[in-house]
């Protein structure tokens, strides 16, 4: 039976984007069963006292972090141009991800969001921009907007976020292989070693 791998992510995390780029090959190599768990990274930061590397107070460290991000994208073979609107409030976007899961269209939604955010540089915190992206994917934007406004969708995103924090998450991407946590795209190598055990 395939082992269960949970991927807690926020589209506003560039390293979640890079991890997402690597996951299809990891799944193919290992046969792991992947579960996408949308969470609100801002909520994780608030609950843990952590903060985005984008607001790192040491200028040299912040600049170096940007260079490491570019190097990582090159290493993983992921197209990456950053986003001029970053950081973006992703609350609406992550609620839409939950709505897409409930509507059974998450795969099509997810496929277009990451490149729109981290390659095309779209402002996905803007409702009209997000609506156009959803429509371009052949999905019903009005239906997803209606769903994301429902209390149960809001509650599910909040519960995912609280669960991630309760299990030890402090940022994104965070993976759980059963009860073992792996943080960061660069720790996928350790995750794969754990899968091989």
N, C-alpha and C. Protein backbone atom coordinates (compact mmCIF):
# COMPACT_ATOMS: atom_id res chain seq x y z
N UNK A 1 0.85 -1.20 0.00
CA UNK A 1 0.00 0.00 0.00
C UNK A 1 0.89 1.25 0.00
N UNK A 2 0.52 2.24 -0.81
CA UNK A 2 1.30 3.48 -0.92
C UNK A 2 1.27 4.24 0.40
N UNK A 3 2.41 4.81 0.75
CA UNK A 3 2.49 5.63 1.95
C UNK A 3 1.90 7.00 1.64
N UNK A 4 1.40 7.64 2.68
CA UNK A 4 0.69 8.92 2.53
C UNK A 4 1.63 10.07 2.82
N UNK A 5 1.76 10.97 1.86
CA UNK A 5 2.59 12.17 2.01
C UNK A 5 1.69 13.40 1.93
N UNK A 6 1.71 14.22 2.97
CA UNK A 6 0.91 15.44 3.00
C UNK A 6 1.80 16.64 2.68
N UNK A 7 1.32 17.47 1.78
CA UNK A 7 2.05 18.66 1.34
C UNK A 7 1.27 19.88 1.78
N UNK A 8 1.71 20.52 2.85
CA UNK A 8 1.10 21.76 3.33
C UNK A 8 1.80 22.91 2.61
N UNK A 9 1.02 23.71 1.91
CA UNK A 9 1.60 24.72 1.03
C UNK A 9 0.76 25.99 1.02
N UNK A 10 1.40 27.06 0.56
CA UNK A 10 0.74 28.33 0.26
C UNK A 10 1.34 28.79 -1.06
N UNK A 11 0.50 29.22 -1.99
CA UNK A 11 0.99 29.65 -3.30
C UNK A 11 1.96 30.83 -3.20
N UNK A 12 1.88 31.57 -2.11
CA UNK A 12 2.76 32.72 -1.94
C UNK A 12 4.16 32.36 -1.49
N UNK A 13 4.45 31.09 -1.30
CA UNK A 13 5.77 30.63 -0.90
C UNK A 13 6.56 30.19 -2.13
N UNK A 14 7.65 30.88 -2.47
CA UNK A 14 8.42 30.48 -3.65
C UNK A 14 9.04 29.10 -3.51
N UNK A 15 9.41 28.73 -2.29
CA UNK A 15 9.98 27.38 -2.11
C UNK A 15 8.91 26.30 -2.20
N UNK A 16 7.65 26.64 -1.89
CA UNK A 16 6.56 25.70 -2.15
C UNK A 16 6.41 25.48 -3.65
N UNK A 17 6.59 26.56 -4.41
CA UNK A 17 6.55 26.45 -5.88
C UNK A 17 7.64 25.51 -6.37
N UNK A 18 8.86 25.67 -5.85
CA UNK A 18 9.96 24.82 -6.28
C UNK A 18 9.73 23.36 -5.85
N UNK A 19 9.22 23.16 -4.65
CA UNK A 19 8.91 21.80 -4.19
C UNK A 19 7.85 21.17 -5.07
N UNK A 20 6.83 21.95 -5.39
CA UNK A 20 5.75 21.46 -6.24
C UNK A 20 6.29 21.03 -7.60
N UNK A 21 7.28 21.76 -8.10
CA UNK A 21 7.91 21.41 -9.38
C UNK A 21 8.58 20.04 -9.32
N UNK A 22 9.14 19.71 -8.17
CA UNK A 22 9.88 18.45 -8.01
C UNK A 22 8.99 17.26 -7.65
N UNK A 23 7.79 17.51 -7.17
CA UNK A 23 6.97 16.43 -6.63
C UNK A 23 6.54 15.37 -7.64
N UNK A 24 6.16 15.73 -8.87
CA UNK A 24 5.73 14.66 -9.79
C UNK A 24 6.78 13.57 -9.99
N UNK A 25 8.04 13.96 -10.12
CA UNK A 25 9.09 12.96 -10.30
C UNK A 25 9.30 12.15 -9.02
N UNK A 26 9.19 12.80 -7.86
CA UNK A 26 9.33 12.07 -6.61
C UNK A 26 8.22 11.04 -6.47
N UNK A 27 7.00 11.44 -6.79
CA UNK A 27 5.86 10.51 -6.72
C UNK A 27 6.06 9.34 -7.68
N UNK A 28 6.54 9.64 -8.87
CA UNK A 28 6.77 8.58 -9.86
C UNK A 28 7.84 7.60 -9.39
N UNK A 29 8.90 8.13 -8.79
CA UNK A 29 10.01 7.27 -8.34
C UNK A 29 9.63 6.41 -7.14
N UNK A 30 8.80 6.98 -6.25
CA UNK A 30 8.57 6.32 -4.96
C UNK A 30 7.20 5.65 -4.83
N UNK A 31 6.24 6.09 -5.64
CA UNK A 31 4.89 5.54 -5.53
C UNK A 31 4.12 6.08 -4.34
N UNK A 32 4.63 7.14 -3.70
CA UNK A 32 3.95 7.71 -2.55
C UNK A 32 2.62 8.32 -2.97
N UNK A 33 1.65 8.31 -2.07
CA UNK A 33 0.33 8.91 -2.31
C UNK A 33 0.36 10.35 -1.78
N UNK A 34 0.23 11.32 -2.68
CA UNK A 34 0.39 12.73 -2.32
C UNK A 34 -0.95 13.39 -2.04
N UNK A 35 -1.03 14.09 -0.91
CA UNK A 35 -2.22 14.85 -0.54
C UNK A 35 -1.85 16.32 -0.43
N UNK A 36 -2.54 17.16 -1.17
CA UNK A 36 -2.32 18.60 -1.13
C UNK A 36 -3.14 19.20 0.01
N UNK A 37 -2.48 19.94 0.92
CA UNK A 37 -3.14 20.52 2.07
C UNK A 37 -2.93 22.04 2.05
N UNK A 38 -3.84 22.78 1.42
CA UNK A 38 -3.72 24.25 1.41
C UNK A 38 -3.75 24.80 2.84
N UNK A 39 -2.85 25.75 3.12
CA UNK A 39 -2.85 26.41 4.41
C UNK A 39 -2.54 27.89 4.17
N UNK A 40 -2.72 28.69 5.19
CA UNK A 40 -2.44 30.12 5.07
C UNK A 40 -1.11 30.41 5.76
N UNK A 41 -0.10 30.70 4.96
CA UNK A 41 1.24 30.91 5.50
C UNK A 41 1.27 32.08 6.48
N UNK A 42 0.52 33.13 6.19
CA UNK A 42 0.44 34.27 7.12
C UNK A 42 -0.07 33.83 8.48
N UNK A 43 -1.02 32.91 8.48
CA UNK A 43 -1.56 32.38 9.74
C UNK A 43 -0.52 31.57 10.49
N UNK A 44 0.28 30.80 9.75
CA UNK A 44 1.37 30.03 10.37
C UNK A 44 2.38 30.98 11.00
N UNK A 45 2.76 32.02 10.26
CA UNK A 45 3.72 32.99 10.79
C UNK A 45 3.19 33.66 12.06
N UNK A 46 1.93 34.03 12.02
CA UNK A 46 1.33 34.70 13.18
C UNK A 46 1.31 33.78 14.39
N UNK A 47 0.98 32.50 14.17
CA UNK A 47 0.87 31.56 15.28
C UNK A 47 2.21 31.18 15.87
N UNK A 48 3.26 31.20 15.04
CA UNK A 48 4.56 30.73 15.49
C UNK A 48 5.56 31.84 15.80
N UNK A 49 5.24 33.07 15.39
CA UNK A 49 6.18 34.17 15.57
C UNK A 49 7.25 34.20 14.49
N UNK A 50 7.11 33.36 13.48
CA UNK A 50 8.05 33.34 12.36
C UNK A 50 7.71 34.49 11.40
N UNK A 51 8.57 34.73 10.42
CA UNK A 51 8.29 35.76 9.43
C UNK A 51 8.86 35.34 8.08
N UNK A 52 8.38 35.98 7.05
CA UNK A 52 8.85 35.69 5.69
C UNK A 52 10.31 36.12 5.53
N UNK A 53 11.10 35.33 4.78
CA UNK A 53 12.46 35.76 4.46
C UNK A 53 12.49 37.09 3.70
N UNK A 54 11.36 37.45 3.09
CA UNK A 54 11.28 38.70 2.34
C UNK A 54 11.39 39.92 3.24
N UNK A 55 11.11 39.73 4.53
CA UNK A 55 11.20 40.86 5.46
C UNK A 55 12.39 40.68 6.42
N UNK A 56 13.35 39.86 6.02
CA UNK A 56 14.59 39.69 6.78
C UNK A 56 15.22 41.07 7.01
N UNK A 57 15.51 41.42 8.27
CA UNK A 57 16.01 42.78 8.54
C UNK A 57 17.47 43.02 8.12
N UNK A 58 18.25 41.96 7.97
CA UNK A 58 19.65 42.12 7.56
C UNK A 58 19.70 42.15 6.04
N UNK A 59 20.02 43.31 5.50
CA UNK A 59 19.94 43.50 4.05
C UNK A 59 20.80 42.50 3.27
N UNK A 60 22.02 42.26 3.72
CA UNK A 60 22.91 41.34 3.02
C UNK A 60 22.35 39.92 3.02
N UNK A 61 21.76 39.52 4.15
CA UNK A 61 21.17 38.18 4.25
C UNK A 61 19.94 38.06 3.35
N UNK A 62 19.14 39.13 3.32
CA UNK A 62 17.95 39.16 2.46
C UNK A 62 18.35 39.04 0.99
N UNK A 63 19.38 39.79 0.60
CA UNK A 63 19.86 39.73 -0.78
C UNK A 63 20.42 38.36 -1.12
N UNK A 64 21.16 37.79 -0.17
CA UNK A 64 21.72 36.46 -0.40
C UNK A 64 20.60 35.42 -0.50
N UNK A 65 19.55 35.58 0.30
CA UNK A 65 18.41 34.67 0.23
C UNK A 65 17.77 34.68 -1.15
N UNK A 66 17.70 35.85 -1.77
CA UNK A 66 17.17 35.94 -3.12
C UNK A 66 18.04 35.21 -4.12
N UNK A 67 19.36 35.30 -3.93
CA UNK A 67 20.28 34.60 -4.83
C UNK A 67 20.17 33.09 -4.65
N UNK A 68 20.02 32.63 -3.40
CA UNK A 68 19.85 31.20 -3.14
C UNK A 68 18.58 30.68 -3.80
N UNK A 69 17.54 31.50 -3.77
CA UNK A 69 16.29 31.12 -4.41
C UNK A 69 16.49 30.91 -5.92
N UNK A 70 17.20 31.84 -6.55
CA UNK A 70 17.49 31.71 -7.98
C UNK A 70 18.35 30.47 -8.26
N UNK A 71 19.35 30.25 -7.43
CA UNK A 71 20.19 29.06 -7.59
C UNK A 71 19.38 27.78 -7.44
N UNK A 72 18.47 27.78 -6.48
CA UNK A 72 17.63 26.60 -6.25
C UNK A 72 16.75 26.33 -7.46
N UNK A 73 16.15 27.38 -8.03
CA UNK A 73 15.32 27.22 -9.22
C UNK A 73 16.13 26.63 -10.36
N UNK A 74 17.36 27.11 -10.53
CA UNK A 74 18.24 26.58 -11.58
C UNK A 74 18.58 25.12 -11.31
N UNK A 75 18.87 24.79 -10.06
CA UNK A 75 19.21 23.42 -9.69
C UNK A 75 18.06 22.46 -10.00
N UNK A 76 16.83 22.90 -9.69
CA UNK A 76 15.67 22.03 -9.89
C UNK A 76 15.12 22.09 -11.31
N UNK A 77 15.68 22.98 -12.13
CA UNK A 77 15.18 23.10 -13.50
C UNK A 77 13.81 23.74 -13.59
N UNK A 78 13.51 24.62 -12.64
CA UNK A 78 12.20 25.27 -12.60
C UNK A 78 12.31 26.69 -13.14
N UNK A 79 11.44 27.04 -14.07
CA UNK A 79 11.39 28.42 -14.56
C UNK A 79 10.92 29.31 -13.42
N UNK A 80 11.62 30.39 -13.18
CA UNK A 80 11.30 31.25 -12.04
C UNK A 80 11.70 32.68 -12.36
N UNK A 81 10.72 33.61 -12.24
CA UNK A 81 11.01 35.01 -12.47
C UNK A 81 10.63 35.89 -11.29
N UNK A 82 10.14 35.30 -10.25
CA UNK A 82 9.70 36.10 -9.11
C UNK A 82 8.38 36.77 -9.39
N UNK A 83 7.96 37.60 -8.47
CA UNK A 83 6.67 38.28 -8.62
C UNK A 83 6.81 39.72 -8.13
N UNK A 84 6.58 40.71 -9.01
CA UNK A 84 6.75 42.11 -8.61
C UNK A 84 5.75 42.57 -7.56
N UNK A 85 4.68 41.79 -7.35
CA UNK A 85 3.65 42.16 -6.37
C UNK A 85 3.91 41.51 -5.00
N UNK A 86 4.94 40.69 -4.90
CA UNK A 86 5.23 39.95 -3.68
C UNK A 86 5.70 40.90 -2.58
N UNK A 87 5.27 40.71 -1.31
CA UNK A 87 4.36 39.66 -0.85
C UNK A 87 2.89 40.00 -1.11
N UNK A 88 2.13 38.98 -1.42
CA UNK A 88 0.71 39.11 -1.75
C UNK A 88 -0.11 38.48 -0.62
N UNK A 89 -1.20 39.11 -0.26
CA UNK A 89 -2.13 38.50 0.69
C UNK A 89 -2.80 37.32 -0.02
N UNK A 90 -2.55 36.10 0.45
CA UNK A 90 -3.03 34.91 -0.26
C UNK A 90 -4.31 34.31 0.33
N UNK A 91 -4.96 35.02 1.23
CA UNK A 91 -6.16 34.46 1.87
C UNK A 91 -7.20 34.04 0.84
N UNK A 92 -7.57 34.93 -0.07
CA UNK A 92 -8.58 34.61 -1.09
C UNK A 92 -8.11 33.45 -1.97
N UNK A 93 -6.84 33.48 -2.34
CA UNK A 93 -6.28 32.46 -3.21
C UNK A 93 -6.30 31.08 -2.56
N UNK A 94 -5.92 31.02 -1.29
CA UNK A 94 -5.88 29.72 -0.61
C UNK A 94 -7.29 29.22 -0.31
N UNK A 95 -8.22 30.13 -0.05
CA UNK A 95 -9.62 29.69 0.09
C UNK A 95 -10.13 29.13 -1.23
N UNK A 96 -9.68 29.72 -2.33
CA UNK A 96 -10.09 29.22 -3.64
C UNK A 96 -9.51 27.83 -3.89
N UNK A 97 -8.30 27.58 -3.40
CA UNK A 97 -7.72 26.24 -3.54
C UNK A 97 -8.57 25.20 -2.83
N UNK A 98 -9.03 25.53 -1.62
CA UNK A 98 -9.91 24.62 -0.88
C UNK A 98 -11.22 24.44 -1.65
N UNK A 99 -11.76 25.55 -2.17
CA UNK A 99 -12.99 25.47 -2.95
C UNK A 99 -12.80 24.58 -4.18
N UNK A 100 -11.65 24.69 -4.83
CA UNK A 100 -11.36 23.87 -6.01
C UNK A 100 -11.28 22.39 -5.64
N UNK A 101 -10.73 22.10 -4.47
CA UNK A 101 -10.71 20.71 -4.01
C UNK A 101 -12.13 20.20 -3.82
N UNK A 102 -12.95 21.00 -3.19
CA UNK A 102 -14.33 20.58 -2.93
C UNK A 102 -15.13 20.43 -4.22
N UNK A 103 -14.79 21.24 -5.22
CA UNK A 103 -15.52 21.18 -6.50
C UNK A 103 -14.97 20.10 -7.43
N UNK A 104 -13.89 19.45 -7.02
CA UNK A 104 -13.30 18.39 -7.83
C UNK A 104 -12.50 18.89 -9.02
N UNK A 105 -12.02 20.16 -8.94
CA UNK A 105 -11.27 20.73 -10.07
C UNK A 105 -9.90 21.23 -9.61
N UNK A 106 -9.43 20.70 -8.49
CA UNK A 106 -8.17 21.20 -7.92
C UNK A 106 -7.00 21.01 -8.88
N UNK A 107 -6.92 19.88 -9.53
CA UNK A 107 -5.77 19.61 -10.41
C UNK A 107 -5.64 20.69 -11.49
N UNK A 108 -6.76 21.03 -12.12
CA UNK A 108 -6.75 22.04 -13.18
C UNK A 108 -6.44 23.43 -12.61
N UNK A 109 -6.96 23.73 -11.43
CA UNK A 109 -6.71 25.01 -10.77
C UNK A 109 -5.23 25.11 -10.38
N UNK A 110 -4.74 24.09 -9.72
CA UNK A 110 -3.37 24.08 -9.22
C UNK A 110 -2.36 24.19 -10.36
N UNK A 111 -2.66 23.56 -11.47
CA UNK A 111 -1.74 23.54 -12.61
C UNK A 111 -1.44 24.95 -13.13
N UNK A 112 -2.42 25.86 -13.03
CA UNK A 112 -2.21 27.21 -13.59
C UNK A 112 -1.75 28.24 -12.56
N UNK A 113 -1.99 27.97 -11.28
CA UNK A 113 -1.72 29.01 -10.28
C UNK A 113 -0.23 29.23 -10.05
N UNK A 114 0.52 28.17 -9.84
CA UNK A 114 1.95 28.38 -9.55
C UNK A 114 2.68 29.11 -10.66
N UNK A 115 2.55 28.70 -11.94
CA UNK A 115 3.24 29.48 -12.98
C UNK A 115 2.73 30.91 -13.10
N UNK A 116 1.44 31.12 -12.86
CA UNK A 116 0.90 32.49 -12.91
C UNK A 116 1.55 33.35 -11.83
N UNK A 117 1.79 32.76 -10.67
CA UNK A 117 2.36 33.49 -9.54
C UNK A 117 3.86 33.71 -9.72
N UNK A 118 4.61 32.63 -10.03
CA UNK A 118 6.06 32.68 -9.93
C UNK A 118 6.80 32.73 -11.27
N UNK A 119 6.06 32.68 -12.37
CA UNK A 119 6.69 32.85 -13.69
C UNK A 119 6.12 34.09 -14.38
N UNK A 120 4.77 34.18 -14.41
CA UNK A 120 4.13 35.31 -15.07
C UNK A 120 4.07 36.54 -14.18
N UNK A 121 4.19 36.35 -12.87
CA UNK A 121 4.21 37.49 -11.95
C UNK A 121 2.88 38.19 -11.79
N UNK A 122 1.78 37.44 -11.87
CA UNK A 122 0.45 38.06 -11.73
C UNK A 122 0.13 38.38 -10.28
N UNK A 123 -0.68 39.39 -10.08
CA UNK A 123 -1.13 39.77 -8.74
C UNK A 123 -2.37 38.94 -8.40
N UNK A 124 -2.14 37.77 -7.83
CA UNK A 124 -3.25 36.86 -7.55
C UNK A 124 -3.97 37.19 -6.25
N UNK A 125 -3.61 38.30 -5.64
CA UNK A 125 -4.40 38.84 -4.54
C UNK A 125 -5.51 39.74 -5.04
N UNK A 126 -5.49 40.02 -6.34
CA UNK A 126 -6.51 40.84 -7.00
C UNK A 126 -7.60 39.91 -7.52
N UNK A 127 -8.82 40.11 -7.05
CA UNK A 127 -9.92 39.20 -7.39
C UNK A 127 -10.16 39.12 -8.89
N UNK A 128 -10.05 40.23 -9.60
CA UNK A 128 -10.31 40.22 -11.04
C UNK A 128 -9.22 39.46 -11.80
N UNK A 129 -7.98 39.59 -11.34
CA UNK A 129 -6.87 38.86 -11.97
C UNK A 129 -7.05 37.36 -11.75
N UNK A 130 -7.40 36.99 -10.52
CA UNK A 130 -7.63 35.58 -10.22
C UNK A 130 -8.79 35.03 -11.02
N UNK A 131 -9.85 35.80 -11.16
CA UNK A 131 -11.02 35.35 -11.93
C UNK A 131 -10.64 35.08 -13.38
N UNK A 132 -9.83 35.96 -13.98
CA UNK A 132 -9.40 35.75 -15.37
C UNK A 132 -8.55 34.50 -15.49
N UNK A 133 -7.69 34.27 -14.51
CA UNK A 133 -6.85 33.07 -14.55
C UNK A 133 -7.70 31.81 -14.47
N UNK A 134 -8.67 31.81 -13.58
CA UNK A 134 -9.56 30.65 -13.42
C UNK A 134 -10.31 30.38 -14.72
N UNK A 135 -10.83 31.44 -15.33
CA UNK A 135 -11.56 31.28 -16.60
C UNK A 135 -10.64 30.77 -17.70
N UNK A 136 -9.38 31.22 -17.71
CA UNK A 136 -8.43 30.78 -18.74
C UNK A 136 -8.13 29.29 -18.62
N UNK A 137 -8.34 28.74 -17.42
CA UNK A 137 -8.12 27.30 -17.21
C UNK A 137 -9.36 26.49 -17.56
N UNK A 138 -10.40 27.18 -18.04
CA UNK A 138 -11.63 26.48 -18.42
C UNK A 138 -12.51 26.13 -17.23
N UNK A 139 -12.30 26.82 -16.11
CA UNK A 139 -13.07 26.53 -14.90
C UNK A 139 -14.13 27.60 -14.68
N UNK A 140 -15.09 27.28 -13.85
CA UNK A 140 -16.20 28.18 -13.54
C UNK A 140 -15.79 29.11 -12.41
N UNK A 141 -15.34 30.30 -12.76
CA UNK A 141 -14.86 31.26 -11.78
C UNK A 141 -15.93 31.70 -10.81
N UNK A 142 -17.14 31.89 -11.31
CA UNK A 142 -18.24 32.32 -10.43
C UNK A 142 -18.54 31.25 -9.38
N UNK A 143 -18.50 29.99 -9.80
CA UNK A 143 -18.79 28.89 -8.87
C UNK A 143 -17.71 28.80 -7.79
N UNK A 144 -16.45 28.95 -8.19
CA UNK A 144 -15.37 28.88 -7.20
C UNK A 144 -15.41 30.08 -6.26
N UNK A 145 -15.77 31.25 -6.79
CA UNK A 145 -15.90 32.44 -5.93
C UNK A 145 -17.02 32.25 -4.92
N UNK A 146 -18.10 31.63 -5.36
CA UNK A 146 -19.23 31.36 -4.48
C UNK A 146 -18.83 30.36 -3.39
N UNK A 147 -18.11 29.33 -3.78
CA UNK A 147 -17.68 28.31 -2.82
C UNK A 147 -16.70 28.87 -1.80
N UNK A 148 -15.74 29.68 -2.25
CA UNK A 148 -14.71 30.16 -1.32
C UNK A 148 -15.29 31.10 -0.27
N UNK A 149 -16.47 31.65 -0.53
CA UNK A 149 -17.11 32.55 0.44
C UNK A 149 -17.89 31.79 1.50
N UNK A 150 -18.02 30.48 1.33
CA UNK A 150 -18.81 29.69 2.27
C UNK A 150 -18.03 29.44 3.56
N UNK A 151 -18.76 29.42 4.66
CA UNK A 151 -18.13 29.27 5.97
C UNK A 151 -17.35 27.97 6.11
N UNK A 152 -17.86 26.88 5.50
CA UNK A 152 -17.16 25.61 5.67
C UNK A 152 -15.83 25.60 4.94
N UNK A 153 -15.72 26.31 3.83
CA UNK A 153 -14.44 26.42 3.12
C UNK A 153 -13.47 27.26 3.94
N UNK A 154 -13.95 28.38 4.46
CA UNK A 154 -13.10 29.21 5.32
C UNK A 154 -12.61 28.42 6.53
N UNK A 155 -13.53 27.63 7.11
CA UNK A 155 -13.18 26.84 8.29
C UNK A 155 -12.16 25.77 7.96
N UNK A 156 -12.27 25.17 6.77
CA UNK A 156 -11.33 24.12 6.39
C UNK A 156 -9.92 24.69 6.23
N UNK A 157 -9.80 25.85 5.60
CA UNK A 157 -8.48 26.46 5.45
C UNK A 157 -7.90 26.80 6.83
N UNK A 158 -8.73 27.33 7.70
CA UNK A 158 -8.27 27.66 9.06
C UNK A 158 -7.85 26.39 9.79
N UNK A 159 -8.62 25.31 9.64
CA UNK A 159 -8.30 24.06 10.32
C UNK A 159 -7.02 23.45 9.78
N UNK A 160 -6.81 23.51 8.47
CA UNK A 160 -5.56 23.02 7.87
C UNK A 160 -4.36 23.77 8.46
N UNK A 161 -4.51 25.09 8.56
CA UNK A 161 -3.43 25.93 9.07
C UNK A 161 -3.14 25.61 10.53
N UNK A 162 -4.18 25.50 11.33
CA UNK A 162 -4.01 25.19 12.75
C UNK A 162 -3.42 23.79 12.94
N UNK A 163 -3.85 22.85 12.09
CA UNK A 163 -3.31 21.48 12.18
C UNK A 163 -1.82 21.48 11.86
N UNK A 164 -1.44 22.19 10.81
CA UNK A 164 -0.03 22.25 10.43
C UNK A 164 0.82 22.77 11.59
N UNK A 165 0.36 23.86 12.21
CA UNK A 165 1.09 24.45 13.33
C UNK A 165 1.15 23.48 14.50
N UNK A 166 0.03 22.83 14.81
CA UNK A 166 -0.03 21.89 15.93
C UNK A 166 0.93 20.72 15.73
N UNK A 167 1.19 20.39 14.46
CA UNK A 167 2.08 19.27 14.15
C UNK A 167 3.54 19.71 14.02
N UNK A 168 3.79 21.01 14.17
CA UNK A 168 5.17 21.50 14.20
C UNK A 168 5.57 22.40 13.05
N UNK A 169 4.67 22.69 12.13
CA UNK A 169 5.02 23.54 10.99
C UNK A 169 5.26 24.98 11.45
N UNK A 170 6.23 25.61 10.79
CA UNK A 170 6.53 27.02 11.06
C UNK A 170 6.69 27.80 9.77
N UNK A 171 6.53 27.15 8.63
CA UNK A 171 6.65 27.80 7.33
C UNK A 171 6.20 26.85 6.23
N UNK A 172 6.53 27.21 5.00
CA UNK A 172 6.12 26.40 3.85
C UNK A 172 7.27 26.32 2.85
N UNK A 173 7.39 25.18 2.18
CA UNK A 173 6.53 24.01 2.22
C UNK A 173 6.85 23.12 3.42
N UNK A 174 5.82 22.51 3.98
CA UNK A 174 5.99 21.53 5.04
C UNK A 174 5.35 20.23 4.60
N UNK A 175 6.10 19.16 4.76
CA UNK A 175 5.64 17.82 4.39
C UNK A 175 5.56 16.96 5.64
N UNK A 176 4.56 16.09 5.65
CA UNK A 176 4.47 15.08 6.70
C UNK A 176 4.37 13.71 6.04
N UNK A 177 5.31 12.86 6.41
CA UNK A 177 5.26 11.45 6.03
C UNK A 177 4.90 10.71 7.30
N UNK A 178 3.61 10.34 7.41
CA UNK A 178 3.05 9.91 8.68
C UNK A 178 3.32 11.02 9.71
N UNK A 179 4.11 10.74 10.74
CA UNK A 179 4.33 11.76 11.78
C UNK A 179 5.67 12.47 11.63
N UNK A 180 6.44 12.13 10.60
CA UNK A 180 7.75 12.75 10.42
C UNK A 180 7.63 13.98 9.53
N UNK A 181 8.15 15.12 10.01
CA UNK A 181 8.04 16.39 9.29
C UNK A 181 9.32 16.67 8.51
N UNK A 182 9.13 17.23 7.31
CA UNK A 182 10.23 17.70 6.47
C UNK A 182 9.88 19.10 6.01
N UNK A 183 10.79 20.05 6.22
CA UNK A 183 10.53 21.43 5.85
C UNK A 183 11.45 21.87 4.73
N UNK A 184 10.89 22.48 3.70
CA UNK A 184 11.68 23.09 2.65
C UNK A 184 11.88 22.20 1.43
N UNK A 185 11.97 22.84 0.28
CA UNK A 185 12.21 22.11 -0.96
C UNK A 185 13.54 21.37 -0.91
N UNK A 186 14.51 21.93 -0.22
CA UNK A 186 15.83 21.30 -0.16
C UNK A 186 15.85 20.04 0.70
N UNK A 187 14.78 19.79 1.45
CA UNK A 187 14.72 18.59 2.28
C UNK A 187 13.94 17.46 1.62
N UNK A 188 13.56 17.66 0.37
CA UNK A 188 12.91 16.56 -0.35
C UNK A 188 13.86 15.37 -0.49
N UNK A 189 15.15 15.62 -0.54
CA UNK A 189 16.12 14.53 -0.61
C UNK A 189 16.07 13.67 0.63
N UNK A 190 15.89 14.28 1.80
CA UNK A 190 15.76 13.52 3.04
C UNK A 190 14.43 12.79 3.10
N UNK A 191 13.40 13.43 2.58
CA UNK A 191 12.09 12.81 2.50
C UNK A 191 12.16 11.55 1.64
N UNK A 192 12.84 11.65 0.51
CA UNK A 192 12.94 10.48 -0.37
C UNK A 192 13.74 9.36 0.28
N UNK A 193 14.75 9.72 1.04
CA UNK A 193 15.51 8.70 1.77
C UNK A 193 14.63 8.01 2.80
N UNK A 194 13.76 8.78 3.44
CA UNK A 194 12.83 8.19 4.43
C UNK A 194 11.86 7.24 3.74
N UNK A 195 11.42 7.61 2.53
CA UNK A 195 10.52 6.74 1.79
C UNK A 195 11.18 5.44 1.39
N UNK A 196 12.49 5.48 1.21
CA UNK A 196 13.22 4.29 0.77
C UNK A 196 13.50 3.33 1.92
N UNK A 197 13.32 3.82 3.17
CA UNK A 197 13.61 2.95 4.32
C UNK A 197 12.58 1.84 4.43
